Amino acid sequence: MVAASTNWLMRQYRWLLPRRGSLARRCDRIEAAVALAVLVLALVAVPVGMLAGSVVHHREATIAAAQQAERHPATAVLLTPTDPDTAGYTGVAVPTEKIPARWQAGGTDRTGLVEAGPGLSAGDHVGIWLDQAGNPVSAPMSGLNVLGLSIGFGALVWAGGTVAGLFVYWIVRAVLDRARLAAWAREWEAVRWRPRSKGDSK
């Protein structure tokens, strides 16, 4: 892999700075320049993606800290059963549904809808999260959630820049390939119709 990358870089270098007698044409040098520019863009996109991920991490960490300060866990008692558990379920996450339940907040009983998984009966206890007003809310973001979001966003920024560069390279190469084919066709026609000199064999 390393040897192949090194050979590719040397080939681009020879195209950009051809030696005397090189067969590299202007189209080849343009393609090599664009290819190296895409490589530089991909390398530059790495710290840019890291910076973007750091910004997202700081923002999401602030949101997560606020959620963790405002939300607290509680236990709810289901008032009705949930749907039976589906045998052979192979989903990534266990499906949930909104079920009437009762819980305590501030020393008073509350009722409402809470998320509960399948196969539960009336009277079963489920863990929930409440806001400061005692209303059910989603669980606060954890440090792992924040890390995943920041890494994902940084990787998306890097991938976006790299893919954009590769797309530009693909367009440039397609245009240059057409130019090369046209040049080869003209040269072939010139060779075919070149007048023969007296020394040419019949």
N, C-alpha and C. Protein backbone atom coordinates (compact mmCIF):
# COMPACT_ATOMS: atom_id res chain seq x y z
N MET A 1 0.83 -1.20 0.00
CA MET A 1 0.00 0.00 0.00
C MET A 1 0.86 1.25 0.00
N VAL A 2 1.88 1.26 0.88
CA VAL A 2 2.78 2.42 0.95
C VAL A 2 3.56 2.56 -0.34
N ALA A 3 4.04 1.42 -0.88
CA ALA A 3 4.81 1.46 -2.13
C ALA A 3 3.95 1.98 -3.28
N ALA A 4 2.68 1.55 -3.32
CA ALA A 4 1.78 2.01 -4.39
C ALA A 4 1.54 3.51 -4.28
N SER A 5 1.36 4.01 -3.06
CA SER A 5 1.14 5.44 -2.86
C SER A 5 2.38 6.24 -3.26
N THR A 6 3.56 5.70 -2.91
CA THR A 6 4.80 6.38 -3.27
C THR A 6 4.97 6.43 -4.79
N ASN A 7 4.67 5.33 -5.46
CA ASN A 7 4.78 5.31 -6.93
C ASN A 7 3.81 6.29 -7.56
N TRP A 8 2.61 6.39 -7.00
CA TRP A 8 1.62 7.34 -7.53
C TRP A 8 2.12 8.77 -7.39
N LEU A 9 2.67 9.10 -6.22
CA LEU A 9 3.18 10.45 -6.00
C LEU A 9 4.35 10.76 -6.93
N MET A 10 5.24 9.79 -7.14
CA MET A 10 6.37 10.01 -8.04
C MET A 10 5.89 10.21 -9.47
N ARG A 11 4.84 9.50 -9.85
CA ARG A 11 4.31 9.66 -11.20
C ARG A 11 3.71 11.06 -11.38
N GLN A 12 2.99 11.53 -10.35
CA GLN A 12 2.44 12.89 -10.45
C GLN A 12 3.57 13.92 -10.51
N TYR A 13 4.64 13.68 -9.76
CA TYR A 13 5.79 14.60 -9.77
C TYR A 13 6.45 14.64 -11.14
N ARG A 14 6.61 13.47 -11.76
CA ARG A 14 7.24 13.43 -13.09
C ARG A 14 6.36 14.11 -14.13
N TRP A 15 5.04 14.01 -13.96
CA TRP A 15 4.15 14.68 -14.89
C TRP A 15 4.21 16.20 -14.73
N LEU A 16 4.30 16.65 -13.47
CA LEU A 16 4.35 18.09 -13.23
C LEU A 16 5.67 18.69 -13.66
N LEU A 17 6.76 17.99 -13.36
CA LEU A 17 8.10 18.47 -13.71
C LEU A 17 8.78 17.44 -14.61
N PRO A 18 8.34 17.35 -15.84
CA PRO A 18 8.88 16.32 -16.74
C PRO A 18 10.36 16.52 -17.03
N ARG A 19 11.07 15.43 -17.12
CA ARG A 19 12.49 15.50 -17.48
C ARG A 19 12.63 15.65 -18.99
N ARG A 20 13.82 15.92 -19.44
CA ARG A 20 14.07 16.06 -20.87
C ARG A 20 13.75 14.74 -21.57
N GLY A 21 13.00 14.85 -22.63
CA GLY A 21 12.60 13.66 -23.36
C GLY A 21 11.35 12.99 -22.81
N SER A 22 10.72 13.59 -21.79
CA SER A 22 9.51 12.99 -21.23
C SER A 22 8.36 13.06 -22.22
N LEU A 23 7.50 12.06 -22.19
CA LEU A 23 6.33 12.02 -23.05
C LEU A 23 5.12 12.71 -22.43
N ALA A 24 5.31 13.30 -21.24
CA ALA A 24 4.20 13.97 -20.58
C ALA A 24 3.75 15.19 -21.38
N ARG A 25 2.45 15.31 -21.58
CA ARG A 25 1.90 16.44 -22.30
C ARG A 25 1.30 17.45 -21.33
N ARG A 26 0.81 18.52 -21.92
CA ARG A 26 0.20 19.55 -21.09
C ARG A 26 -1.01 18.99 -20.34
N CYS A 27 -1.81 18.16 -21.03
CA CYS A 27 -2.96 17.55 -20.37
C CYS A 27 -2.53 16.70 -19.18
N ASP A 28 -1.42 15.96 -19.34
CA ASP A 28 -0.93 15.12 -18.25
C ASP A 28 -0.51 15.97 -17.05
N ARG A 29 0.16 17.11 -17.34
CA ARG A 29 0.60 17.97 -16.25
C ARG A 29 -0.59 18.61 -15.53
N ILE A 30 -1.62 18.99 -16.29
CA ILE A 30 -2.82 19.56 -15.66
C ILE A 30 -3.50 18.53 -14.76
N GLU A 31 -3.62 17.29 -15.27
CA GLU A 31 -4.24 16.24 -14.46
C GLU A 31 -3.44 15.96 -13.20
N ALA A 32 -2.12 15.93 -13.33
CA ALA A 32 -1.27 15.69 -12.17
C ALA A 32 -1.41 16.82 -11.15
N ALA A 33 -1.50 18.06 -11.63
CA ALA A 33 -1.65 19.19 -10.72
C ALA A 33 -2.97 19.11 -9.97
N VAL A 34 -4.04 18.76 -10.67
CA VAL A 34 -5.34 18.64 -10.02
C VAL A 34 -5.34 17.49 -9.02
N ALA A 35 -4.70 16.36 -9.38
CA ALA A 35 -4.63 15.22 -8.47
C ALA A 35 -3.89 15.58 -7.19
N LEU A 36 -2.78 16.29 -7.33
CA LEU A 36 -2.03 16.71 -6.14
C LEU A 36 -2.81 17.72 -5.32
N ALA A 37 -3.58 18.59 -6.00
CA ALA A 37 -4.40 19.56 -5.28
C ALA A 37 -5.48 18.85 -4.46
N VAL A 38 -6.05 17.79 -5.04
CA VAL A 38 -7.06 17.01 -4.31
C VAL A 38 -6.43 16.33 -3.10
N LEU A 39 -5.20 15.82 -3.27
CA LEU A 39 -4.51 15.19 -2.15
C LEU A 39 -4.25 16.20 -1.03
N VAL A 40 -3.81 17.39 -1.43
CA VAL A 40 -3.55 18.45 -0.43
C VAL A 40 -4.86 18.83 0.27
N LEU A 41 -5.94 18.92 -0.51
CA LEU A 41 -7.24 19.25 0.07
C LEU A 41 -7.66 18.21 1.09
N ALA A 42 -7.46 16.93 0.77
CA ALA A 42 -7.83 15.86 1.70
C ALA A 42 -7.00 15.95 2.98
N LEU A 43 -5.73 16.32 2.85
CA LEU A 43 -4.88 16.45 4.04
C LEU A 43 -5.26 17.67 4.86
N VAL A 44 -5.57 18.77 4.17
CA VAL A 44 -5.98 19.99 4.88
C VAL A 44 -7.32 19.79 5.56
N ALA A 45 -8.19 18.97 4.95
CA ALA A 45 -9.52 18.74 5.53
C ALA A 45 -9.46 18.00 6.85
N VAL A 46 -8.32 17.33 7.14
CA VAL A 46 -8.21 16.60 8.40
C VAL A 46 -8.25 17.55 9.59
N PRO A 47 -7.34 18.57 9.67
CA PRO A 47 -7.44 19.50 10.80
C PRO A 47 -8.72 20.33 10.79
N VAL A 48 -9.23 20.62 9.59
CA VAL A 48 -10.49 21.37 9.52
C VAL A 48 -11.62 20.54 10.13
N GLY A 49 -11.66 19.24 9.78
CA GLY A 49 -12.67 18.37 10.37
C GLY A 49 -12.51 18.24 11.87
N MET A 50 -11.25 18.16 12.34
CA MET A 50 -11.01 18.09 13.78
C MET A 50 -11.48 19.35 14.48
N LEU A 51 -11.22 20.51 13.86
CA LEU A 51 -11.67 21.78 14.44
C LEU A 51 -13.19 21.84 14.50
N ALA A 52 -13.85 21.42 13.40
CA ALA A 52 -15.31 21.42 13.37
C ALA A 52 -15.86 20.47 14.44
N GLY A 53 -15.24 19.29 14.57
CA GLY A 53 -15.67 18.36 15.60
C GLY A 53 -15.49 18.92 17.00
N SER A 54 -14.40 19.68 17.20
CA SER A 54 -14.17 20.28 18.51
C SER A 54 -15.24 21.32 18.85
N VAL A 55 -15.62 22.10 17.83
CA VAL A 55 -16.67 23.11 18.04
C VAL A 55 -17.99 22.43 18.40
N VAL A 56 -18.33 21.37 17.67
CA VAL A 56 -19.57 20.64 17.95
C VAL A 56 -19.51 20.00 19.33
N HIS A 57 -18.35 19.46 19.69
CA HIS A 57 -18.20 18.82 21.01
C HIS A 57 -18.45 19.83 22.12
N HIS A 58 -17.89 21.03 21.98
CA HIS A 58 -18.08 22.05 23.01
C HIS A 58 -19.55 22.44 23.12
N ARG A 59 -20.21 22.61 21.95
CA ARG A 59 -21.62 23.01 21.97
C ARG A 59 -22.50 21.93 22.56
N GLU A 60 -22.30 20.68 22.11
CA GLU A 60 -23.13 19.59 22.59
C GLU A 60 -22.84 19.26 24.05
N ALA A 61 -21.60 19.43 24.48
CA ALA A 61 -21.27 19.18 25.88
C ALA A 61 -21.98 20.19 26.78
N THR A 62 -22.11 21.43 26.33
CA THR A 62 -22.84 22.44 27.09
C THR A 62 -24.31 22.07 27.19
N ILE A 63 -24.88 21.62 26.06
CA ILE A 63 -26.30 21.20 26.06
C ILE A 63 -26.49 19.99 26.98
N ALA A 64 -25.57 19.02 26.89
CA ALA A 64 -25.68 17.81 27.72
C ALA A 64 -25.59 18.16 29.21
N ALA A 65 -24.70 19.08 29.56
CA ALA A 65 -24.57 19.47 30.97
C ALA A 65 -25.85 20.13 31.47
N ALA A 66 -26.46 20.97 30.61
CA ALA A 66 -27.72 21.62 31.00
C ALA A 66 -28.83 20.59 31.16
N GLN A 67 -28.90 19.61 30.25
CA GLN A 67 -29.93 18.58 30.36
C GLN A 67 -29.73 17.73 31.61
N GLN A 68 -28.49 17.38 31.91
CA GLN A 68 -28.23 16.56 33.09
C GLN A 68 -28.56 17.31 34.37
N ALA A 69 -28.43 18.65 34.34
CA ALA A 69 -28.76 19.44 35.53
C ALA A 69 -30.26 19.63 35.69
N GLU A 70 -31.00 19.64 34.57
CA GLU A 70 -32.43 19.93 34.62
C GLU A 70 -33.29 18.67 34.69
N ARG A 71 -32.77 17.52 34.33
CA ARG A 71 -33.56 16.30 34.28
C ARG A 71 -33.11 15.30 35.34
N HIS A 72 -34.05 14.55 35.85
CA HIS A 72 -33.70 13.55 36.88
C HIS A 72 -34.50 12.28 36.63
N PRO A 73 -33.96 11.14 37.02
CA PRO A 73 -34.65 9.87 36.78
C PRO A 73 -35.79 9.65 37.77
N ALA A 74 -36.77 8.89 37.34
CA ALA A 74 -37.90 8.54 38.19
C ALA A 74 -38.43 7.18 37.74
N THR A 75 -39.41 6.68 38.49
CA THR A 75 -40.03 5.39 38.17
C THR A 75 -41.52 5.59 37.96
N ALA A 76 -42.03 5.03 36.87
CA ALA A 76 -43.46 5.12 36.57
C ALA A 76 -44.09 3.74 36.63
N VAL A 77 -45.36 3.71 37.01
CA VAL A 77 -46.12 2.47 37.07
C VAL A 77 -47.09 2.46 35.89
N LEU A 78 -47.02 1.43 35.06
CA LEU A 78 -47.88 1.34 33.89
C LEU A 78 -49.33 1.08 34.31
N LEU A 79 -50.26 1.76 33.65
CA LEU A 79 -51.68 1.59 33.94
C LEU A 79 -52.34 0.61 32.98
N THR A 80 -51.72 0.37 31.84
CA THR A 80 -52.22 -0.60 30.86
C THR A 80 -51.04 -1.42 30.34
N PRO A 81 -51.29 -2.63 29.84
CA PRO A 81 -50.20 -3.45 29.31
C PRO A 81 -49.74 -2.93 27.95
N THR A 82 -48.53 -3.26 27.61
CA THR A 82 -48.02 -2.94 26.28
C THR A 82 -48.27 -4.12 25.35
N ASP A 83 -48.00 -3.92 24.08
CA ASP A 83 -48.17 -5.01 23.12
C ASP A 83 -47.25 -6.17 23.47
N PRO A 84 -47.68 -7.40 23.19
CA PRO A 84 -46.81 -8.57 23.47
C PRO A 84 -45.49 -8.46 22.74
N ASP A 85 -44.49 -9.04 23.36
CA ASP A 85 -43.17 -9.04 22.74
C ASP A 85 -43.21 -9.88 21.47
N THR A 86 -42.64 -9.35 20.39
CA THR A 86 -42.64 -10.07 19.11
C THR A 86 -41.46 -11.04 19.09
N ALA A 87 -41.77 -12.32 18.95
CA ALA A 87 -40.70 -13.33 18.91
C ALA A 87 -39.89 -13.17 17.63
N GLY A 88 -38.60 -13.33 17.77
CA GLY A 88 -37.73 -13.25 16.61
C GLY A 88 -37.44 -11.83 16.17
N TYR A 89 -37.72 -10.84 17.00
CA TYR A 89 -37.43 -9.47 16.61
C TYR A 89 -35.93 -9.28 16.50
N THR A 90 -35.48 -8.73 15.38
CA THR A 90 -34.04 -8.59 15.13
C THR A 90 -33.64 -7.13 14.92
N GLY A 91 -34.46 -6.18 15.34
CA GLY A 91 -34.13 -4.77 15.16
C GLY A 91 -32.96 -4.35 16.00
N VAL A 92 -32.35 -3.21 15.63
CA VAL A 92 -31.22 -2.69 16.39
C VAL A 92 -31.66 -2.20 17.75
N ALA A 93 -32.80 -1.50 17.83
CA ALA A 93 -33.32 -0.97 19.08
C ALA A 93 -34.67 -1.63 19.39
N VAL A 94 -34.94 -1.82 20.67
CA VAL A 94 -36.22 -2.40 21.07
C VAL A 94 -37.32 -1.37 20.82
N PRO A 95 -38.39 -1.74 20.12
CA PRO A 95 -39.45 -0.77 19.85
C PRO A 95 -40.18 -0.36 21.12
N THR A 96 -40.60 0.88 21.19
CA THR A 96 -41.34 1.38 22.34
C THR A 96 -42.65 1.99 21.87
N GLU A 97 -43.55 2.22 22.83
CA GLU A 97 -44.82 2.86 22.54
C GLU A 97 -45.22 3.72 23.73
N LYS A 98 -46.12 4.66 23.46
CA LYS A 98 -46.61 5.53 24.51
C LYS A 98 -47.71 4.81 25.28
N ILE A 99 -47.52 4.66 26.61
CA ILE A 99 -48.44 3.92 27.45
C ILE A 99 -48.85 4.80 28.65
N PRO A 100 -50.14 4.80 29.01
CA PRO A 100 -50.55 5.54 30.22
C PRO A 100 -49.84 4.99 31.45
N ALA A 101 -49.38 5.90 32.30
CA ALA A 101 -48.64 5.49 33.50
C ALA A 101 -48.84 6.53 34.61
N ARG A 102 -48.38 6.15 35.79
CA ARG A 102 -48.47 7.04 36.95
C ARG A 102 -47.10 7.15 37.60
N TRP A 103 -46.73 8.35 38.02
CA TRP A 103 -45.45 8.57 38.71
C TRP A 103 -45.61 9.70 39.71
N GLN A 104 -44.62 9.88 40.52
CA GLN A 104 -44.63 10.94 41.52
C GLN A 104 -43.63 12.01 41.15
N ALA A 105 -44.05 13.26 41.34
CA ALA A 105 -43.17 14.40 41.11
C ALA A 105 -43.51 15.47 42.13
N GLY A 106 -42.54 15.86 42.93
CA GLY A 106 -42.78 16.87 43.95
C GLY A 106 -43.75 16.42 45.02
N GLY A 107 -43.81 15.10 45.27
CA GLY A 107 -44.70 14.58 46.30
C GLY A 107 -46.13 14.38 45.87
N THR A 108 -46.44 14.61 44.62
CA THR A 108 -47.80 14.43 44.12
C THR A 108 -47.80 13.40 42.99
N ASP A 109 -48.96 12.72 42.88
CA ASP A 109 -49.08 11.73 41.80
C ASP A 109 -49.38 12.43 40.48
N ARG A 110 -48.73 11.95 39.43
CA ARG A 110 -48.96 12.47 38.07
C ARG A 110 -49.34 11.28 37.18
N THR A 111 -50.10 11.57 36.16
CA THR A 111 -50.43 10.56 35.17
C THR A 111 -50.19 11.14 33.78
N GLY A 112 -49.87 10.26 32.86
CA GLY A 112 -49.61 10.69 31.50
C GLY A 112 -49.08 9.53 30.68
N LEU A 113 -48.55 9.84 29.53
CA LEU A 113 -48.01 8.82 28.63
C LEU A 113 -46.50 8.76 28.77
N VAL A 114 -45.97 7.54 28.85
CA VAL A 114 -44.52 7.35 28.94
C VAL A 114 -44.12 6.30 27.92
N GLU A 115 -42.84 6.30 27.57
CA GLU A 115 -42.31 5.30 26.65
C GLU A 115 -42.10 3.98 27.40
N ALA A 116 -42.59 2.89 26.80
CA ALA A 116 -42.41 1.57 27.42
C ALA A 116 -42.18 0.54 26.32
N GLY A 117 -41.40 -0.45 26.63
CA GLY A 117 -41.11 -1.50 25.67
C GLY A 117 -42.23 -2.54 25.60
N PRO A 118 -42.12 -3.50 24.69
CA PRO A 118 -43.17 -4.52 24.53
C PRO A 118 -43.13 -5.57 25.63
N GLY A 119 -44.26 -6.26 25.79
CA GLY A 119 -44.32 -7.40 26.70
C GLY A 119 -44.47 -7.03 28.16
N LEU A 120 -44.90 -5.80 28.49
CA LEU A 120 -45.06 -5.38 29.88
C LEU A 120 -46.54 -5.43 30.27
N SER A 121 -46.79 -5.60 31.56
CA SER A 121 -48.16 -5.69 32.08
C SER A 121 -48.50 -4.45 32.88
N ALA A 122 -49.80 -4.24 33.11
CA ALA A 122 -50.23 -3.15 33.98
C ALA A 122 -49.68 -3.38 35.38
N GLY A 123 -49.13 -2.34 35.98
CA GLY A 123 -48.52 -2.45 37.29
C GLY A 123 -47.01 -2.61 37.24
N ASP A 124 -46.45 -2.88 36.07
CA ASP A 124 -44.99 -2.98 35.94
C ASP A 124 -44.36 -1.59 36.08
N HIS A 125 -43.13 -1.60 36.57
CA HIS A 125 -42.39 -0.35 36.76
C HIS A 125 -41.42 -0.14 35.59
N VAL A 126 -41.36 1.09 35.11
CA VAL A 126 -40.40 1.45 34.06
C VAL A 126 -39.67 2.72 34.49
N GLY A 127 -38.42 2.82 34.09
CA GLY A 127 -37.64 4.01 34.38
C GLY A 127 -37.94 5.13 33.39
N ILE A 128 -38.11 6.33 33.89
CA ILE A 128 -38.37 7.50 33.04
C ILE A 128 -37.49 8.66 33.50
N TRP A 129 -37.48 9.72 32.70
CA TRP A 129 -36.79 10.94 33.06
C TRP A 129 -37.81 12.08 33.12
N LEU A 130 -37.66 12.94 34.12
CA LEU A 130 -38.58 14.06 34.31
C LEU A 130 -37.81 15.37 34.26
N ASP A 131 -38.50 16.42 33.76
CA ASP A 131 -37.89 17.76 33.81
C ASP A 131 -38.22 18.40 35.16
N GLN A 132 -37.85 19.64 35.32
CA GLN A 132 -38.05 20.31 36.60
C GLN A 132 -39.53 20.49 36.93
N ALA A 133 -40.39 20.47 35.92
CA ALA A 133 -41.83 20.60 36.15
C ALA A 133 -42.48 19.26 36.42
N GLY A 134 -41.71 18.16 36.35
CA GLY A 134 -42.26 16.83 36.61
C GLY A 134 -42.86 16.17 35.40
N ASN A 135 -42.60 16.68 34.21
CA ASN A 135 -43.12 16.09 32.98
C ASN A 135 -42.11 15.12 32.38
N PRO A 136 -42.60 14.03 31.76
CA PRO A 136 -41.67 13.08 31.14
C PRO A 136 -40.91 13.70 29.96
N VAL A 137 -39.62 13.47 29.92
CA VAL A 137 -38.77 13.96 28.84
C VAL A 137 -37.81 12.84 28.45
N SER A 138 -37.11 13.03 27.36
CA SER A 138 -36.11 12.05 26.95
C SER A 138 -34.91 12.10 27.89
N ALA A 139 -34.13 11.04 27.86
CA ALA A 139 -32.94 10.98 28.71
C ALA A 139 -31.93 12.04 28.27
N PRO A 140 -31.20 12.62 29.20
CA PRO A 140 -30.18 13.61 28.81
C PRO A 140 -29.06 12.97 28.01
N MET A 141 -28.42 13.77 27.18
CA MET A 141 -27.28 13.25 26.42
C MET A 141 -26.14 12.89 27.36
N SER A 142 -25.50 11.79 27.04
CA SER A 142 -24.34 11.36 27.82
C SER A 142 -23.06 11.84 27.15
N GLY A 143 -21.95 11.64 27.85
CA GLY A 143 -20.66 11.99 27.27
C GLY A 143 -20.37 11.20 26.02
N LEU A 144 -20.85 9.94 25.98
CA LEU A 144 -20.64 9.10 24.80
C LEU A 144 -21.43 9.64 23.62
N ASN A 145 -22.66 10.13 23.87
CA ASN A 145 -23.45 10.74 22.80
C ASN A 145 -22.74 11.96 22.23
N VAL A 146 -22.21 12.80 23.11
CA VAL A 146 -21.51 14.01 22.67
C VAL A 146 -20.29 13.65 21.85
N LEU A 147 -19.54 12.65 22.31
CA LEU A 147 -18.33 12.23 21.59
C LEU A 147 -18.69 11.70 20.21
N GLY A 148 -19.75 10.87 20.14
CA GLY A 148 -20.16 10.33 18.86
C GLY A 148 -20.60 11.41 17.88
N LEU A 149 -21.34 12.41 18.37
CA LEU A 149 -21.78 13.50 17.50
C LEU A 149 -20.59 14.30 16.98
N SER A 150 -19.63 14.60 17.84
CA SER A 150 -18.49 15.42 17.43
C SER A 150 -17.61 14.67 16.44
N ILE A 151 -17.36 13.38 16.69
CA ILE A 151 -16.54 12.59 15.76
C ILE A 151 -17.27 12.44 14.42
N GLY A 152 -18.57 12.18 14.48
CA GLY A 152 -19.34 12.03 13.25
C GLY A 152 -19.35 13.30 12.42
N PHE A 153 -19.51 14.45 13.07
CA PHE A 153 -19.54 15.71 12.33
C PHE A 153 -18.17 16.02 11.74
N GLY A 154 -17.12 15.79 12.51
CA GLY A 154 -15.77 16.03 11.98
C GLY A 154 -15.47 15.14 10.79
N ALA A 155 -15.86 13.85 10.89
CA ALA A 155 -15.65 12.93 9.77
C ALA A 155 -16.47 13.35 8.56
N LEU A 156 -17.67 13.89 8.80
CA LEU A 156 -18.51 14.34 7.69
C LEU A 156 -17.89 15.53 6.98
N VAL A 157 -17.30 16.44 7.73
CA VAL A 157 -16.63 17.60 7.12
C VAL A 157 -15.45 17.13 6.28
N TRP A 158 -14.64 16.22 6.83
CA TRP A 158 -13.49 15.71 6.06
C TRP A 158 -13.96 14.99 4.80
N ALA A 159 -14.96 14.11 4.95
CA ALA A 159 -15.44 13.35 3.81
C ALA A 159 -16.06 14.27 2.76
N GLY A 160 -16.77 15.31 3.20
CA GLY A 160 -17.38 16.23 2.25
C GLY A 160 -16.33 16.96 1.41
N GLY A 161 -15.28 17.44 2.07
CA GLY A 161 -14.22 18.12 1.33
C GLY A 161 -13.49 17.18 0.38
N THR A 162 -13.21 15.96 0.85
CA THR A 162 -12.50 14.99 0.01
C THR A 162 -13.34 14.57 -1.19
N VAL A 163 -14.61 14.29 -0.95
CA VAL A 163 -15.49 13.86 -2.05
C VAL A 163 -15.66 14.98 -3.07
N ALA A 164 -15.77 16.23 -2.58
CA ALA A 164 -15.88 17.35 -3.51
C ALA A 164 -14.63 17.46 -4.38
N GLY A 165 -13.45 17.29 -3.76
CA GLY A 165 -12.21 17.33 -4.53
C GLY A 165 -12.13 16.21 -5.54
N LEU A 166 -12.54 15.01 -5.15
CA LEU A 166 -12.52 13.87 -6.08
C LEU A 166 -13.50 14.09 -7.23
N PHE A 167 -14.63 14.72 -6.94
CA PHE A 167 -15.60 14.99 -7.99
C PHE A 167 -15.03 15.96 -9.02
N VAL A 168 -14.36 17.01 -8.51
CA VAL A 168 -13.72 17.97 -9.42
C VAL A 168 -12.65 17.27 -10.25
N TYR A 169 -11.84 16.41 -9.61
CA TYR A 169 -10.81 15.68 -10.33
C TYR A 169 -11.42 14.79 -11.41
N TRP A 170 -12.54 14.14 -11.11
CA TRP A 170 -13.19 13.26 -12.08
C TRP A 170 -13.67 14.06 -13.29
N ILE A 171 -14.23 15.25 -13.03
CA ILE A 171 -14.69 16.10 -14.15
C ILE A 171 -13.50 16.55 -15.00
N VAL A 172 -12.44 17.02 -14.32
CA VAL A 172 -11.26 17.49 -15.06
C VAL A 172 -10.65 16.36 -15.87
N ARG A 173 -10.57 15.18 -15.28
CA ARG A 173 -9.97 14.06 -16.01
C ARG A 173 -10.82 13.67 -17.21
N ALA A 174 -12.16 13.71 -17.06
CA ALA A 174 -13.02 13.38 -18.19
C ALA A 174 -12.82 14.37 -19.33
N VAL A 175 -12.70 15.66 -18.99
CA VAL A 175 -12.47 16.68 -20.02
C VAL A 175 -11.11 16.47 -20.69
N LEU A 176 -10.09 16.19 -19.88
CA LEU A 176 -8.75 15.99 -20.42
C LEU A 176 -8.67 14.71 -21.26
N ASP A 177 -9.39 13.68 -20.86
CA ASP A 177 -9.40 12.45 -21.66
C ASP A 177 -9.98 12.71 -23.05
N ARG A 178 -11.02 13.51 -23.11
CA ARG A 178 -11.59 13.86 -24.41
C ARG A 178 -10.60 14.66 -25.25
N ALA A 179 -9.88 15.58 -24.56
CA ALA A 179 -8.88 16.37 -25.28
C ALA A 179 -7.74 15.48 -25.78
N ARG A 180 -7.34 14.50 -24.97
CA ARG A 180 -6.27 13.59 -25.39
C ARG A 180 -6.71 12.74 -26.57
N LEU A 181 -7.94 12.23 -26.51
CA LEU A 181 -8.43 11.43 -27.61
C LEU A 181 -8.51 12.23 -28.91
N ALA A 182 -8.95 13.49 -28.78
CA ALA A 182 -9.02 14.34 -29.96
C ALA A 182 -7.63 14.61 -30.52
N ALA A 183 -6.64 14.84 -29.64
CA ALA A 183 -5.27 15.08 -30.10
C ALA A 183 -4.68 13.84 -30.76
N TRP A 184 -4.93 12.66 -30.17
CA TRP A 184 -4.43 11.43 -30.79
C TRP A 184 -5.07 11.20 -32.15
N ALA A 185 -6.36 11.52 -32.27
CA ALA A 185 -7.04 11.35 -33.56
C ALA A 185 -6.43 12.27 -34.62
N ARG A 186 -6.15 13.52 -34.24
CA ARG A 186 -5.54 14.45 -35.20
C ARG A 186 -4.16 13.98 -35.61
N GLU A 187 -3.37 13.50 -34.64
CA GLU A 187 -2.03 13.03 -34.96
C GLU A 187 -2.08 11.79 -35.86
N TRP A 188 -3.04 10.90 -35.60
CA TRP A 188 -3.15 9.71 -36.43
C TRP A 188 -3.55 10.08 -37.85
N GLU A 189 -4.47 11.04 -37.98
CA GLU A 189 -4.85 11.47 -39.31
C GLU A 189 -3.67 12.10 -40.05
N ALA A 190 -2.85 12.87 -39.30
CA ALA A 190 -1.68 13.49 -39.92
C ALA A 190 -0.69 12.44 -40.40
N VAL A 191 -0.53 11.37 -39.62
CA VAL A 191 0.38 10.30 -40.02
C VAL A 191 -0.16 9.54 -41.23
N ARG A 192 -1.45 9.28 -41.23
CA ARG A 192 -2.06 8.53 -42.33
C ARG A 192 -1.93 9.26 -43.66
N TRP A 193 -2.13 10.57 -43.61
CA TRP A 193 -2.17 11.33 -44.86
C TRP A 193 -0.87 12.09 -45.13
N ARG A 194 0.19 11.72 -44.43
CA ARG A 194 1.47 12.39 -44.65
C ARG A 194 2.01 11.97 -46.03
N PRO A 195 2.36 12.92 -46.86
CA PRO A 195 2.90 12.56 -48.19
C PRO A 195 4.16 11.73 -48.06
N ARG A 196 4.26 10.71 -48.88
CA ARG A 196 5.45 9.85 -48.84
C ARG A 196 6.60 10.51 -49.57
N SER A 197 7.78 10.36 -49.02
CA SER A 197 8.98 10.86 -49.69
C SER A 197 9.50 9.79 -50.64
N LYS A 198 10.44 10.18 -51.48
CA LYS A 198 10.99 9.23 -52.44
C LYS A 198 11.67 8.06 -51.80
N GLY A 199 12.14 8.24 -50.55
CA GLY A 199 12.87 7.16 -49.89
C GLY A 199 11.95 6.17 -49.21
N ASP A 200 10.63 6.51 -49.11
CA ASP A 200 9.69 5.58 -48.46
C ASP A 200 9.54 4.34 -49.31
N SER A 201 9.38 3.19 -48.65
CA SER A 201 9.17 1.94 -49.37
C SER A 201 7.75 1.89 -49.90
N LYS A 202 7.55 1.21 -51.01
CA LYS A 202 6.23 1.11 -51.61
C LYS A 202 5.44 0.00 -50.98
